[in-house]
Structure formats: structure tokens, C-alpha cells
Amino acid sequence: MEPRTVNRRGRAPIAGRSRRPVFSEEKFRELLLYVSERCARDEKFGKTKLVKILYYSDFLAYGLFGHPITGATYQALEWGPVPRELTAVISKLKRTKQAVVVQRRYYNKTQQVPPPLRRPRLDKFSADEIALVDQVMADLWGENAVEVNSLSHLEEGYRLSALKRTIPYESVFLSSEPPTTADVRRAQELAARYGWLAPEKKKKRQA
């Protein structure tokens, strides 16, 4: 899997259509339940992997669709990006008996797994959003916590953010790799469309 940036997944960023992220507790809650339900058979799934799936889903959606799926605020911690809203939402799910958190052994490690106690409600999501989340889950399927943490540490937004600082959604467009020919061509098309090109200097009339 190479979810480093939208460009690395072969998708062109949508310029001029991004809007300020707004957190939706409802969508965050339902997406958390959906991912937990779908990944129940992945023996390497736990809380760490859950937050990385949420992170990639939100940031890739921002690059592809112009807005994140949940609008959660992700902070840079030692083990990678983590949504600030996670603890409060999981606590509320436990308190209202919509999910539980169980401890599961995986070799010599203990995983925290949040199995849902009800089916997730997906009517608030678009088909494209669910398809993107499904793709992220498929790409990370079978990866353990150390592997997904290491992958998230390669993200430019994470690398450039100080610990405990918010990772901006716009960082999904950053890449340390040189632009490809397709990237340059796409940039030229967008520059022409949105008037980013500097006006040509008028040629001096010959005397």
C-alpha cells in the first residue's frame, strides 16, 4: 500500500474545491463502528490500526473529494496520527452500550479491540466515501500495529508537525518525491484554468 499522498495513489488533487473541515461526531462514531465491524476477522486489528484507517480515510477523502469524511482533528503523537476526539467518542459508545472495548492477545502483545454492539448506520455516507474506506481497510489488511505506525510516520504532514500539534488536512498534497511528467502536466492545466500563470510581459516595440 502507498497511501502517502493522493498523488502517489495515482489520483489528481481537486483544486479550488476544498472546504474547511467540520467535525461530525455522528459520522465519526458510525465510521468507527463500521471499521470495527468490518475488521473483526483481521487478527492484527486493534485500536492502533483503527485510528490509522480513520486517518487515511479522512485525509485521502480531503484530497480526492475536497472534504474529509468525519472532519476529526488529528494530532501527531509518538505512535503516529491520532484523532483528538477518539477517547471521548469511545467512552460515549461504551456508556450508551453501543460498543465495548476488550483486550485480545496477539503473540506477546495485548490489543484493544472495540467490537460494536449494533450495526453501523451508513446513510450519512456517500457511496464514494464508503468505497474509499473499504479500499483503505483492504490495503492495510494483515498489517500489524508496528507496520501501520511506521507507514504513517512517512507522511509529510506527520513528519512536519511537532508532537501534539494538529496535522493540517492540506498536508495530504505534500510529497518529498520529485513531480512526475503527469504531475507537471496536471499542474499546468490547473494553473491555466484558475489563472495562476503570471501574465506575459508585453514585447517591446522595435524602434
N, C-alpha and C. Protein backbone atom coordinates (compact mmCIF):
# COMPACT_ATOMS: atom_id res chain seq x y z
N MET A 1 0.84 -1.20 0.00
CA MET A 1 0.00 0.00 0.00
C MET A 1 0.87 1.24 0.00
N GLU A 2 0.49 2.27 -0.74
CA GLU A 2 1.22 3.53 -0.75
C GLU A 2 0.27 4.72 -0.57
N PRO A 3 -0.37 4.82 0.59
CA PRO A 3 -1.28 5.94 0.79
C PRO A 3 -0.54 7.17 1.29
N ARG A 4 0.69 7.42 0.78
CA ARG A 4 1.49 8.54 1.26
C ARG A 4 0.82 9.87 0.96
N THR A 5 0.40 10.04 -0.28
CA THR A 5 -0.35 11.23 -0.67
C THR A 5 -1.33 10.81 -1.73
N VAL A 6 -2.26 11.70 -2.04
CA VAL A 6 -3.22 11.40 -3.10
C VAL A 6 -2.49 11.17 -4.42
N ASN A 7 -1.47 11.97 -4.70
CA ASN A 7 -0.74 11.82 -5.95
C ASN A 7 -0.11 10.45 -6.06
N ARG A 8 0.39 9.90 -4.97
CA ARG A 8 1.05 8.60 -5.02
C ARG A 8 0.06 7.48 -5.28
N ARG A 9 -1.19 7.73 -5.04
CA ARG A 9 -2.21 6.72 -5.34
C ARG A 9 -2.72 6.91 -6.76
N GLY A 10 -2.08 7.81 -7.51
CA GLY A 10 -2.46 7.99 -8.90
C GLY A 10 -3.71 8.82 -9.08
N ARG A 11 -4.09 9.60 -8.06
CA ARG A 11 -5.29 10.42 -8.15
C ARG A 11 -4.89 11.88 -8.20
N ALA A 12 -5.56 12.67 -9.01
CA ALA A 12 -5.25 14.10 -9.10
C ALA A 12 -5.99 14.85 -8.00
N PRO A 13 -5.31 15.75 -7.28
CA PRO A 13 -5.99 16.54 -6.26
C PRO A 13 -7.03 17.45 -6.88
N ILE A 14 -8.07 17.73 -6.13
CA ILE A 14 -9.15 18.58 -6.62
C ILE A 14 -8.90 20.00 -6.17
N ALA A 15 -8.36 20.82 -7.04
CA ALA A 15 -8.02 22.19 -6.67
C ALA A 15 -9.27 23.07 -6.68
N GLY A 16 -9.30 24.03 -5.75
CA GLY A 16 -10.38 25.01 -5.75
C GLY A 16 -11.69 24.50 -5.17
N ARG A 17 -11.73 23.24 -4.67
CA ARG A 17 -12.99 22.71 -4.16
C ARG A 17 -12.91 22.30 -2.70
N SER A 18 -11.72 22.38 -2.10
CA SER A 18 -11.59 22.00 -0.70
C SER A 18 -12.27 23.02 0.19
N ARG A 19 -12.86 22.55 1.27
CA ARG A 19 -13.50 23.47 2.21
C ARG A 19 -13.04 23.15 3.63
N ARG A 20 -13.22 24.11 4.51
CA ARG A 20 -12.75 23.95 5.88
C ARG A 20 -13.42 22.73 6.52
N PRO A 21 -12.61 21.82 7.09
CA PRO A 21 -13.19 20.63 7.71
C PRO A 21 -14.07 20.98 8.91
N VAL A 22 -15.20 20.32 9.01
CA VAL A 22 -16.11 20.48 10.15
C VAL A 22 -16.33 19.10 10.75
N PHE A 23 -16.06 18.96 12.04
CA PHE A 23 -16.17 17.65 12.68
C PHE A 23 -17.62 17.23 12.82
N SER A 24 -17.89 15.98 12.41
CA SER A 24 -19.20 15.38 12.59
C SER A 24 -19.05 14.20 13.54
N GLU A 25 -19.52 14.38 14.77
CA GLU A 25 -19.42 13.29 15.74
C GLU A 25 -20.23 12.07 15.26
N GLU A 26 -21.34 12.33 14.61
CA GLU A 26 -22.17 11.23 14.13
C GLU A 26 -21.43 10.38 13.11
N LYS A 27 -20.80 11.03 12.13
CA LYS A 27 -20.09 10.27 11.10
C LYS A 27 -18.85 9.60 11.68
N PHE A 28 -18.18 10.27 12.60
CA PHE A 28 -17.00 9.67 13.23
C PHE A 28 -17.41 8.42 14.00
N ARG A 29 -18.50 8.51 14.75
CA ARG A 29 -18.99 7.38 15.54
C ARG A 29 -19.37 6.21 14.64
N GLU A 30 -20.13 6.50 13.59
CA GLU A 30 -20.60 5.43 12.72
C GLU A 30 -19.45 4.83 11.91
N LEU A 31 -18.48 5.66 11.53
CA LEU A 31 -17.34 5.12 10.79
C LEU A 31 -16.49 4.23 11.69
N LEU A 32 -16.33 4.64 12.93
CA LEU A 32 -15.60 3.82 13.89
C LEU A 32 -16.26 2.45 14.05
N LEU A 33 -17.58 2.45 14.18
CA LEU A 33 -18.31 1.18 14.30
C LEU A 33 -18.20 0.35 13.03
N TYR A 34 -18.27 1.02 11.89
CA TYR A 34 -18.19 0.31 10.60
C TYR A 34 -16.84 -0.36 10.43
N VAL A 35 -15.77 0.37 10.70
CA VAL A 35 -14.42 -0.19 10.55
C VAL A 35 -14.21 -1.34 11.53
N SER A 36 -14.67 -1.16 12.76
CA SER A 36 -14.52 -2.21 13.77
C SER A 36 -15.27 -3.47 13.38
N GLU A 37 -16.44 -3.30 12.81
CA GLU A 37 -17.24 -4.45 12.37
C GLU A 37 -16.57 -5.17 11.21
N ARG A 38 -16.13 -4.40 10.20
CA ARG A 38 -15.54 -5.00 9.01
C ARG A 38 -14.18 -5.65 9.26
N CYS A 39 -13.44 -5.15 10.26
CA CYS A 39 -12.10 -5.67 10.53
C CYS A 39 -12.08 -6.71 11.65
N ALA A 40 -13.24 -7.18 12.07
CA ALA A 40 -13.32 -8.12 13.18
C ALA A 40 -12.55 -9.41 12.89
N ARG A 41 -12.45 -9.79 11.61
CA ARG A 41 -11.76 -11.04 11.25
C ARG A 41 -10.26 -10.84 11.03
N ASP A 42 -9.80 -9.61 11.08
CA ASP A 42 -8.37 -9.34 10.92
C ASP A 42 -7.70 -9.52 12.28
N GLU A 43 -6.91 -10.58 12.45
CA GLU A 43 -6.32 -10.87 13.74
C GLU A 43 -5.33 -9.79 14.21
N LYS A 44 -4.90 -8.95 13.28
CA LYS A 44 -3.96 -7.89 13.64
C LYS A 44 -4.64 -6.54 13.86
N PHE A 45 -5.97 -6.57 13.88
CA PHE A 45 -6.73 -5.33 14.08
C PHE A 45 -6.85 -4.99 15.55
N GLY A 46 -6.62 -3.74 15.87
CA GLY A 46 -6.77 -3.24 17.23
C GLY A 46 -6.96 -1.73 17.18
N LYS A 47 -6.90 -1.10 18.33
CA LYS A 47 -7.14 0.34 18.42
C LYS A 47 -6.14 1.14 17.58
N THR A 48 -4.87 0.70 17.59
CA THR A 48 -3.85 1.41 16.81
C THR A 48 -4.17 1.39 15.33
N LYS A 49 -4.55 0.24 14.83
CA LYS A 49 -4.86 0.11 13.41
C LYS A 49 -6.16 0.85 13.08
N LEU A 50 -7.09 0.86 14.00
CA LEU A 50 -8.35 1.58 13.80
C LEU A 50 -8.09 3.05 13.52
N VAL A 51 -7.25 3.69 14.35
CA VAL A 51 -7.03 5.12 14.17
C VAL A 51 -6.29 5.43 12.88
N LYS A 52 -5.45 4.49 12.42
CA LYS A 52 -4.74 4.73 11.16
C LYS A 52 -5.69 4.60 9.97
N ILE A 53 -6.65 3.70 10.05
CA ILE A 53 -7.66 3.58 9.00
C ILE A 53 -8.51 4.85 8.95
N LEU A 54 -8.89 5.36 10.11
CA LEU A 54 -9.65 6.61 10.15
C LEU A 54 -8.83 7.77 9.58
N TYR A 55 -7.56 7.81 9.94
CA TYR A 55 -6.67 8.88 9.46
C TYR A 55 -6.56 8.86 7.94
N TYR A 56 -6.22 7.72 7.38
CA TYR A 56 -6.05 7.64 5.93
C TYR A 56 -7.37 7.90 5.20
N SER A 57 -8.46 7.42 5.75
CA SER A 57 -9.76 7.64 5.12
C SER A 57 -10.09 9.12 5.07
N ASP A 58 -9.88 9.83 6.17
CA ASP A 58 -10.19 11.26 6.23
C ASP A 58 -9.27 12.08 5.33
N PHE A 59 -7.97 11.80 5.39
CA PHE A 59 -7.03 12.62 4.63
C PHE A 59 -7.10 12.34 3.13
N LEU A 60 -7.26 11.09 2.75
CA LEU A 60 -7.40 10.79 1.32
C LEU A 60 -8.71 11.35 0.78
N ALA A 61 -9.76 11.32 1.59
CA ALA A 61 -11.04 11.91 1.16
C ALA A 61 -10.88 13.41 0.94
N TYR A 62 -10.12 14.07 1.80
CA TYR A 62 -9.90 15.51 1.64
C TYR A 62 -9.20 15.79 0.31
N GLY A 63 -8.24 14.96 -0.04
CA GLY A 63 -7.54 15.15 -1.30
C GLY A 63 -8.38 14.82 -2.52
N LEU A 64 -9.18 13.77 -2.41
CA LEU A 64 -9.96 13.31 -3.57
C LEU A 64 -11.28 14.05 -3.74
N PHE A 65 -11.96 14.32 -2.63
CA PHE A 65 -13.31 14.88 -2.69
C PHE A 65 -13.38 16.35 -2.30
N GLY A 66 -12.29 16.88 -1.71
CA GLY A 66 -12.30 18.27 -1.26
C GLY A 66 -12.77 18.44 0.17
N HIS A 67 -13.09 17.33 0.85
CA HIS A 67 -13.52 17.39 2.25
C HIS A 67 -13.24 16.04 2.90
N PRO A 68 -12.92 16.03 4.20
CA PRO A 68 -12.72 14.75 4.90
C PRO A 68 -14.06 14.07 5.14
N ILE A 69 -14.01 12.84 5.55
CA ILE A 69 -15.25 12.10 5.82
C ILE A 69 -15.85 12.51 7.16
N THR A 70 -15.01 12.56 8.20
CA THR A 70 -15.53 12.88 9.54
C THR A 70 -15.14 14.27 10.02
N GLY A 71 -14.08 14.84 9.48
CA GLY A 71 -13.62 16.15 9.93
C GLY A 71 -12.91 16.11 11.27
N ALA A 72 -12.50 14.92 11.73
CA ALA A 72 -11.79 14.81 13.00
C ALA A 72 -10.47 15.57 12.95
N THR A 73 -9.99 15.97 14.13
CA THR A 73 -8.72 16.70 14.24
C THR A 73 -7.64 15.71 14.65
N TYR A 74 -6.65 15.52 13.79
CA TYR A 74 -5.61 14.53 14.05
C TYR A 74 -4.35 15.21 14.58
N GLN A 75 -3.86 14.71 15.70
CA GLN A 75 -2.64 15.26 16.28
C GLN A 75 -1.49 14.29 16.08
N ALA A 76 -0.28 14.82 16.03
CA ALA A 76 0.91 14.00 15.84
C ALA A 76 1.40 13.51 17.21
N LEU A 77 1.31 12.21 17.44
CA LEU A 77 1.83 11.60 18.65
C LEU A 77 2.98 10.67 18.29
N GLU A 78 3.67 10.15 19.29
CA GLU A 78 4.85 9.33 19.03
C GLU A 78 4.51 8.12 18.16
N TRP A 79 3.31 7.59 18.29
CA TRP A 79 2.93 6.40 17.53
C TRP A 79 2.11 6.74 16.28
N GLY A 80 2.18 8.00 15.85
CA GLY A 80 1.53 8.38 14.61
C GLY A 80 0.34 9.29 14.82
N PRO A 81 -0.40 9.60 13.74
CA PRO A 81 -1.58 10.48 13.84
C PRO A 81 -2.71 9.81 14.64
N VAL A 82 -3.32 10.59 15.54
CA VAL A 82 -4.42 10.09 16.37
C VAL A 82 -5.48 11.17 16.46
N PRO A 83 -6.76 10.85 16.23
CA PRO A 83 -7.82 11.86 16.34
C PRO A 83 -8.03 12.29 17.79
N ARG A 84 -8.10 13.60 18.00
CA ARG A 84 -8.28 14.11 19.36
C ARG A 84 -9.64 13.69 19.94
N GLU A 85 -10.60 13.45 19.08
CA GLU A 85 -11.95 13.14 19.54
C GLU A 85 -12.14 11.66 19.90
N LEU A 86 -11.13 10.83 19.67
CA LEU A 86 -11.28 9.38 19.79
C LEU A 86 -11.72 8.95 21.19
N THR A 87 -11.01 9.37 22.22
CA THR A 87 -11.29 8.91 23.59
C THR A 87 -12.71 9.25 24.02
N ALA A 88 -13.14 10.48 23.73
CA ALA A 88 -14.48 10.90 24.15
C ALA A 88 -15.56 10.10 23.43
N VAL A 89 -15.35 9.84 22.13
CA VAL A 89 -16.36 9.11 21.35
C VAL A 89 -16.44 7.66 21.82
N ILE A 90 -15.29 7.01 22.04
CA ILE A 90 -15.31 5.62 22.51
C ILE A 90 -15.94 5.53 23.89
N SER A 91 -15.64 6.48 24.76
CA SER A 91 -16.24 6.49 26.11
C SER A 91 -17.76 6.60 26.03
N LYS A 92 -18.24 7.43 25.12
CA LYS A 92 -19.68 7.60 24.95
C LYS A 92 -20.31 6.34 24.39
N LEU A 93 -19.64 5.68 23.47
CA LEU A 93 -20.15 4.43 22.91
C LEU A 93 -20.25 3.36 23.98
N LYS A 94 -19.27 3.28 24.86
CA LYS A 94 -19.30 2.31 25.95
C LYS A 94 -20.41 2.65 26.95
N ARG A 95 -20.53 3.93 27.28
CA ARG A 95 -21.52 4.37 28.27
C ARG A 95 -22.94 4.11 27.78
N THR A 96 -23.17 4.26 26.48
CA THR A 96 -24.50 4.07 25.91
C THR A 96 -24.71 2.66 25.38
N LYS A 97 -23.74 1.78 25.67
CA LYS A 97 -23.82 0.36 25.29
C LYS A 97 -23.98 0.15 23.78
N GLN A 98 -23.22 0.95 23.03
CA GLN A 98 -23.19 0.78 21.58
C GLN A 98 -21.93 0.04 21.13
N ALA A 99 -20.96 -0.05 22.04
CA ALA A 99 -19.71 -0.77 21.76
C ALA A 99 -19.05 -1.09 23.09
N VAL A 100 -18.12 -2.02 23.04
CA VAL A 100 -17.31 -2.35 24.21
C VAL A 100 -15.85 -2.33 23.78
N VAL A 101 -14.96 -2.32 24.73
CA VAL A 101 -13.53 -2.42 24.44
C VAL A 101 -13.00 -3.65 25.18
N VAL A 102 -12.47 -4.59 24.42
CA VAL A 102 -11.97 -5.84 25.01
C VAL A 102 -10.47 -5.95 24.75
N GLN A 103 -9.80 -6.69 25.63
CA GLN A 103 -8.38 -6.95 25.48
C GLN A 103 -8.20 -8.29 24.76
N ARG A 104 -7.33 -8.29 23.75
CA ARG A 104 -7.09 -9.52 22.98
C ARG A 104 -5.59 -9.73 22.82
N ARG A 105 -5.16 -10.95 23.07
CA ARG A 105 -3.74 -11.26 22.96
C ARG A 105 -3.37 -11.51 21.50
N TYR A 106 -2.25 -10.93 21.10
CA TYR A 106 -1.70 -11.20 19.77
C TYR A 106 -0.21 -11.45 19.97
N TYR A 107 0.17 -12.73 19.96
CA TYR A 107 1.51 -13.15 20.30
C TYR A 107 1.84 -12.63 21.70
N ASN A 108 2.87 -11.80 21.87
CA ASN A 108 3.23 -11.30 23.20
C ASN A 108 2.70 -9.90 23.46
N LYS A 109 1.76 -9.45 22.63
CA LYS A 109 1.18 -8.11 22.77
C LYS A 109 -0.29 -8.21 23.16
N THR A 110 -0.79 -7.11 23.73
CA THR A 110 -2.21 -7.02 24.06
C THR A 110 -2.85 -5.94 23.19
N GLN A 111 -3.89 -6.34 22.46
CA GLN A 111 -4.60 -5.40 21.59
C GLN A 111 -5.89 -4.94 22.27
N GLN A 112 -6.23 -3.69 22.07
CA GLN A 112 -7.53 -3.18 22.48
C GLN A 112 -8.44 -3.20 21.26
N VAL A 113 -9.50 -3.97 21.33
CA VAL A 113 -10.42 -4.12 20.20
C VAL A 113 -11.79 -3.58 20.60
N PRO A 114 -12.37 -2.66 19.80
CA PRO A 114 -13.68 -2.09 20.14
C PRO A 114 -14.83 -2.69 19.32
N PRO A 115 -15.23 -3.93 19.59
CA PRO A 115 -16.33 -4.52 18.80
C PRO A 115 -17.65 -3.79 19.04
N PRO A 116 -18.39 -3.50 17.96
CA PRO A 116 -19.67 -2.80 18.11
C PRO A 116 -20.76 -3.73 18.64
N LEU A 117 -21.72 -3.13 19.33
CA LEU A 117 -22.87 -3.88 19.85
C LEU A 117 -24.11 -3.65 19.00
N ARG A 118 -23.97 -2.89 17.93
CA ARG A 118 -25.05 -2.67 16.98
C ARG A 118 -24.45 -2.45 15.61
N ARG A 119 -25.29 -2.52 14.59
CA ARG A 119 -24.83 -2.29 13.23
C ARG A 119 -24.60 -0.80 13.00
N PRO A 120 -23.58 -0.44 12.25
CA PRO A 120 -23.36 0.98 11.94
C PRO A 120 -24.42 1.52 11.00
N ARG A 121 -24.71 2.79 11.13
CA ARG A 121 -25.68 3.45 10.25
C ARG A 121 -24.91 4.19 9.16
N LEU A 122 -25.08 3.76 7.93
CA LEU A 122 -24.26 4.28 6.83
C LEU A 122 -25.00 5.26 5.93
N ASP A 123 -26.21 5.65 6.31
CA ASP A 123 -26.99 6.52 5.43
C ASP A 123 -26.42 7.93 5.33
N LYS A 124 -25.52 8.30 6.24
CA LYS A 124 -24.93 9.64 6.20
C LYS A 124 -23.70 9.70 5.29
N PHE A 125 -23.27 8.55 4.78
CA PHE A 125 -22.08 8.50 3.94
C PHE A 125 -22.44 8.34 2.48
N SER A 126 -21.60 8.90 1.62
CA SER A 126 -21.80 8.70 0.19
C SER A 126 -21.18 7.36 -0.22
N ALA A 127 -21.57 6.89 -1.38
CA ALA A 127 -21.01 5.63 -1.89
C ALA A 127 -19.50 5.75 -2.09
N ASP A 128 -19.05 6.92 -2.54
CA ASP A 128 -17.62 7.14 -2.76
C ASP A 128 -16.85 7.10 -1.43
N GLU A 129 -17.44 7.65 -0.39
CA GLU A 129 -16.78 7.64 0.92
C GLU A 129 -16.61 6.22 1.43
N ILE A 130 -17.67 5.42 1.35
CA ILE A 130 -17.58 4.05 1.83
C ILE A 130 -16.61 3.24 0.97
N ALA A 131 -16.60 3.48 -0.34
CA ALA A 131 -15.68 2.77 -1.22
C ALA A 131 -14.23 3.09 -0.85
N LEU A 132 -13.97 4.35 -0.51
CA LEU A 132 -12.62 4.75 -0.13
C LEU A 132 -12.20 4.08 1.18
N VAL A 133 -13.09 4.07 2.17
CA VAL A 133 -12.79 3.41 3.44
C VAL A 133 -12.54 1.92 3.22
N ASP A 134 -13.35 1.29 2.39
CA ASP A 134 -13.17 -0.13 2.08
C ASP A 134 -11.80 -0.38 1.46
N GLN A 135 -11.36 0.52 0.60
CA GLN A 135 -10.06 0.37 -0.05
C GLN A 135 -8.93 0.52 0.96
N VAL A 136 -9.06 1.49 1.87
CA VAL A 136 -8.04 1.67 2.91
C VAL A 136 -7.95 0.43 3.79
N MET A 137 -9.10 -0.11 4.19
CA MET A 137 -9.10 -1.32 5.02
C MET A 137 -8.46 -2.48 4.27
N ALA A 138 -8.75 -2.61 2.99
CA ALA A 138 -8.16 -3.70 2.20
C ALA A 138 -6.65 -3.53 2.08
N ASP A 139 -6.20 -2.28 1.90
CA ASP A 139 -4.77 -2.03 1.75
C ASP A 139 -4.00 -2.32 3.04
N LEU A 140 -4.63 -2.08 4.18
CA LEU A 140 -3.96 -2.29 5.46
C LEU A 140 -4.26 -3.65 6.09
N TRP A 141 -5.07 -4.44 5.43
CA TRP A 141 -5.46 -5.74 5.98
C TRP A 141 -4.21 -6.61 6.17
N GLY A 142 -4.08 -7.20 7.34
CA GLY A 142 -2.94 -8.06 7.61
C GLY A 142 -1.71 -7.35 8.13
N GLU A 143 -1.73 -6.01 8.13
CA GLU A 143 -0.61 -5.24 8.67
C GLU A 143 -0.78 -5.13 10.19
N ASN A 144 0.33 -5.24 10.93
CA ASN A 144 0.20 -5.11 12.37
C ASN A 144 0.39 -3.67 12.83
N ALA A 145 0.28 -3.45 14.14
CA ALA A 145 0.33 -2.08 14.68
C ALA A 145 1.66 -1.40 14.38
N VAL A 146 2.75 -2.14 14.50
CA VAL A 146 4.07 -1.56 14.24
C VAL A 146 4.18 -1.14 12.78
N GLU A 147 3.66 -1.96 11.89
CA GLU A 147 3.76 -1.66 10.45
C GLU A 147 2.92 -0.45 10.06
N VAL A 148 1.69 -0.35 10.58
CA VAL A 148 0.87 0.80 10.21
C VAL A 148 1.39 2.08 10.86
N ASN A 149 1.97 1.96 12.06
CA ASN A 149 2.59 3.13 12.68
C ASN A 149 3.77 3.62 11.84
N SER A 150 4.61 2.69 11.42
CA SER A 150 5.77 3.05 10.61
C SER A 150 5.34 3.70 9.31
N LEU A 151 4.28 3.18 8.72
CA LEU A 151 3.77 3.75 7.47
C LEU A 151 3.30 5.19 7.67
N SER A 152 2.57 5.42 8.75
CA SER A 152 2.05 6.77 9.00
C SER A 152 3.18 7.76 9.32
N HIS A 153 4.29 7.26 9.85
CA HIS A 153 5.42 8.14 10.17
C HIS A 153 6.09 8.69 8.90
N LEU A 154 5.80 8.08 7.75
CA LEU A 154 6.38 8.55 6.49
C LEU A 154 5.60 9.71 5.90
N GLU A 155 4.41 9.97 6.42
CA GLU A 155 3.58 11.04 5.87
C GLU A 155 4.22 12.40 6.09
N GLU A 156 4.23 13.22 5.04
CA GLU A 156 4.84 14.54 5.14
C GLU A 156 4.18 15.38 6.23
N GLY A 157 2.86 15.32 6.31
CA GLY A 157 2.15 16.10 7.33
C GLY A 157 2.56 15.71 8.73
N TYR A 158 2.74 14.42 8.97
CA TYR A 158 3.18 13.95 10.29
C TYR A 158 4.62 14.35 10.54
N ARG A 159 5.47 14.18 9.56
CA ARG A 159 6.89 14.48 9.71
C ARG A 159 7.13 15.97 9.99
N LEU A 160 6.30 16.82 9.44
CA LEU A 160 6.49 18.25 9.58
C LEU A 160 5.78 18.84 10.80
N SER A 161 4.99 18.02 11.49
CA SER A 161 4.23 18.50 12.65
C SER A 161 4.95 18.15 13.95
N ALA A 162 5.05 19.11 14.85
CA ALA A 162 5.63 18.85 16.16
C ALA A 162 4.68 17.95 16.95
N LEU A 163 5.24 17.22 17.92
CA LEU A 163 4.43 16.33 18.73
C LEU A 163 3.29 17.09 19.42
N LYS A 164 2.12 16.50 19.37
CA LYS A 164 0.88 17.00 19.96
C LYS A 164 0.29 18.19 19.19
N ARG A 165 0.88 18.52 18.05
CA ARG A 165 0.31 19.57 17.22
C ARG A 165 -0.65 18.96 16.20
N THR A 166 -1.60 19.76 15.74
CA THR A 166 -2.58 19.28 14.76
C THR A 166 -1.94 19.14 13.38
N ILE A 167 -2.23 18.04 12.71
CA ILE A 167 -1.74 17.82 11.35
C ILE A 167 -2.75 18.42 10.38
N PRO A 168 -2.39 19.40 9.59
CA PRO A 168 -3.35 20.02 8.68
C PRO A 168 -3.77 19.07 7.55
N TYR A 169 -5.03 19.12 7.21
CA TYR A 169 -5.52 18.27 6.13
C TYR A 169 -4.83 18.59 4.81
N GLU A 170 -4.44 19.85 4.62
CA GLU A 170 -3.79 20.24 3.37
C GLU A 170 -2.48 19.50 3.13
N SER A 171 -1.93 18.91 4.20
CA SER A 171 -0.66 18.21 4.05
C SER A 171 -0.77 16.96 3.19
N VAL A 172 -1.99 16.52 2.90
CA VAL A 172 -2.15 15.36 2.03
C VAL A 172 -1.59 15.61 0.64
N PHE A 173 -1.45 16.88 0.27
CA PHE A 173 -0.93 17.21 -1.05
C PHE A 173 0.59 17.30 -1.08
N LEU A 174 1.24 17.19 0.08
CA LEU A 174 2.69 17.31 0.14
C LEU A 174 3.36 16.00 -0.24
N SER A 175 4.53 16.11 -0.85
CA SER A 175 5.31 14.92 -1.20
C SER A 175 6.77 15.32 -1.32
N SER A 176 7.66 14.47 -0.84
CA SER A 176 9.09 14.71 -0.96
C SER A 176 9.65 14.14 -2.26
N GLU A 177 8.80 13.45 -3.00
CA GLU A 177 9.24 12.87 -4.27
C GLU A 177 9.18 13.91 -5.38
N PRO A 178 10.09 13.82 -6.36
CA PRO A 178 10.05 14.76 -7.48
C PRO A 178 8.78 14.56 -8.29
N PRO A 179 8.22 15.64 -8.87
CA PRO A 179 6.98 15.50 -9.65
C PRO A 179 7.21 14.68 -10.91
N THR A 180 6.20 13.91 -11.25
CA THR A 180 6.26 13.12 -12.48
C THR A 180 5.82 14.00 -13.65
N THR A 181 5.97 13.49 -14.85
CA THR A 181 5.52 14.22 -16.03
C THR A 181 4.02 14.48 -15.96
N ALA A 182 3.28 13.49 -15.46
CA ALA A 182 1.82 13.65 -15.31
C ALA A 182 1.50 14.74 -14.29
N ASP A 183 2.29 14.80 -13.20
CA ASP A 183 2.07 15.84 -12.19
C ASP A 183 2.27 17.23 -12.79
N VAL A 184 3.35 17.39 -13.56
CA VAL A 184 3.65 18.69 -14.17
C VAL A 184 2.55 19.09 -15.15
N ARG A 185 2.10 18.14 -15.95
CA ARG A 185 1.05 18.42 -16.92
C ARG A 185 -0.25 18.83 -16.22
N ARG A 186 -0.57 18.12 -15.12
CA ARG A 186 -1.78 18.44 -14.36
C ARG A 186 -1.66 19.83 -13.74
N ALA A 187 -0.48 20.16 -13.22
CA ALA A 187 -0.27 21.48 -12.61
C ALA A 187 -0.43 22.59 -13.65
N GLN A 188 0.05 22.35 -14.85
CA GLN A 188 -0.08 23.34 -15.91
C GLN A 188 -1.54 23.53 -16.30
N GLU A 189 -2.30 22.43 -16.33
CA GLU A 189 -3.72 22.52 -16.66
C GLU A 189 -4.47 23.34 -15.61
N LEU A 190 -4.18 23.06 -14.32
CA LEU A 190 -4.85 23.78 -13.24
C LEU A 190 -4.44 25.25 -13.21
N ALA A 191 -3.16 25.52 -13.47
CA ALA A 191 -2.68 26.90 -13.48
C ALA A 191 -3.38 27.71 -14.56
N ALA A 192 -3.56 27.09 -15.72
CA ALA A 192 -4.24 27.78 -16.81
C ALA A 192 -5.72 27.98 -16.48
N ARG A 193 -6.35 26.98 -15.85
CA ARG A 193 -7.78 27.05 -15.55
C ARG A 193 -8.09 28.11 -14.50
N TYR A 194 -7.24 28.20 -13.47
CA TYR A 194 -7.52 29.10 -12.36
C TYR A 194 -6.73 30.41 -12.40
N GLY A 195 -6.05 30.66 -13.51
CA GLY A 195 -5.36 31.93 -13.69
C GLY A 195 -4.15 32.11 -12.80
N TRP A 196 -3.44 31.01 -12.52
CA TRP A 196 -2.27 31.11 -11.66
C TRP A 196 -1.02 31.54 -12.43
N LEU A 197 -1.08 31.54 -13.76
CA LEU A 197 0.09 31.88 -14.56
C LEU A 197 0.31 33.38 -14.56
N ALA A 198 1.55 33.78 -14.46
CA ALA A 198 1.88 35.21 -14.50
C ALA A 198 1.64 35.75 -15.90
N PRO A 199 1.09 36.94 -16.04
CA PRO A 199 0.83 37.48 -17.37
C PRO A 199 2.14 37.70 -18.13
N GLU A 200 2.10 37.43 -19.40
CA GLU A 200 3.29 37.61 -20.21
C GLU A 200 3.62 39.09 -20.35
N LYS A 201 4.90 39.37 -20.31
CA LYS A 201 5.33 40.76 -20.47
C LYS A 201 5.15 41.19 -21.92
N LYS A 202 4.67 42.37 -22.05
CA LYS A 202 4.47 42.87 -23.40
C LYS A 202 5.82 43.06 -24.09
N LYS A 203 5.85 42.62 -25.29
CA LYS A 203 7.10 42.75 -26.04
C LYS A 203 7.33 44.21 -26.40
N LYS A 204 8.56 44.58 -26.23
CA LYS A 204 8.93 45.96 -26.57
C LYS A 204 8.87 46.16 -28.08
N ARG A 205 8.28 47.24 -28.44
CA ARG A 205 8.21 47.52 -29.87
C ARG A 205 9.60 47.86 -30.41
N GLN A 206 9.84 47.31 -31.53
CA GLN A 206 11.11 47.63 -32.14
C GLN A 206 11.12 49.08 -32.64
N ALA A 207 12.19 49.76 -32.46
CA ALA A 207 12.30 51.14 -32.89
C ALA A 207 12.29 51.24 -34.40
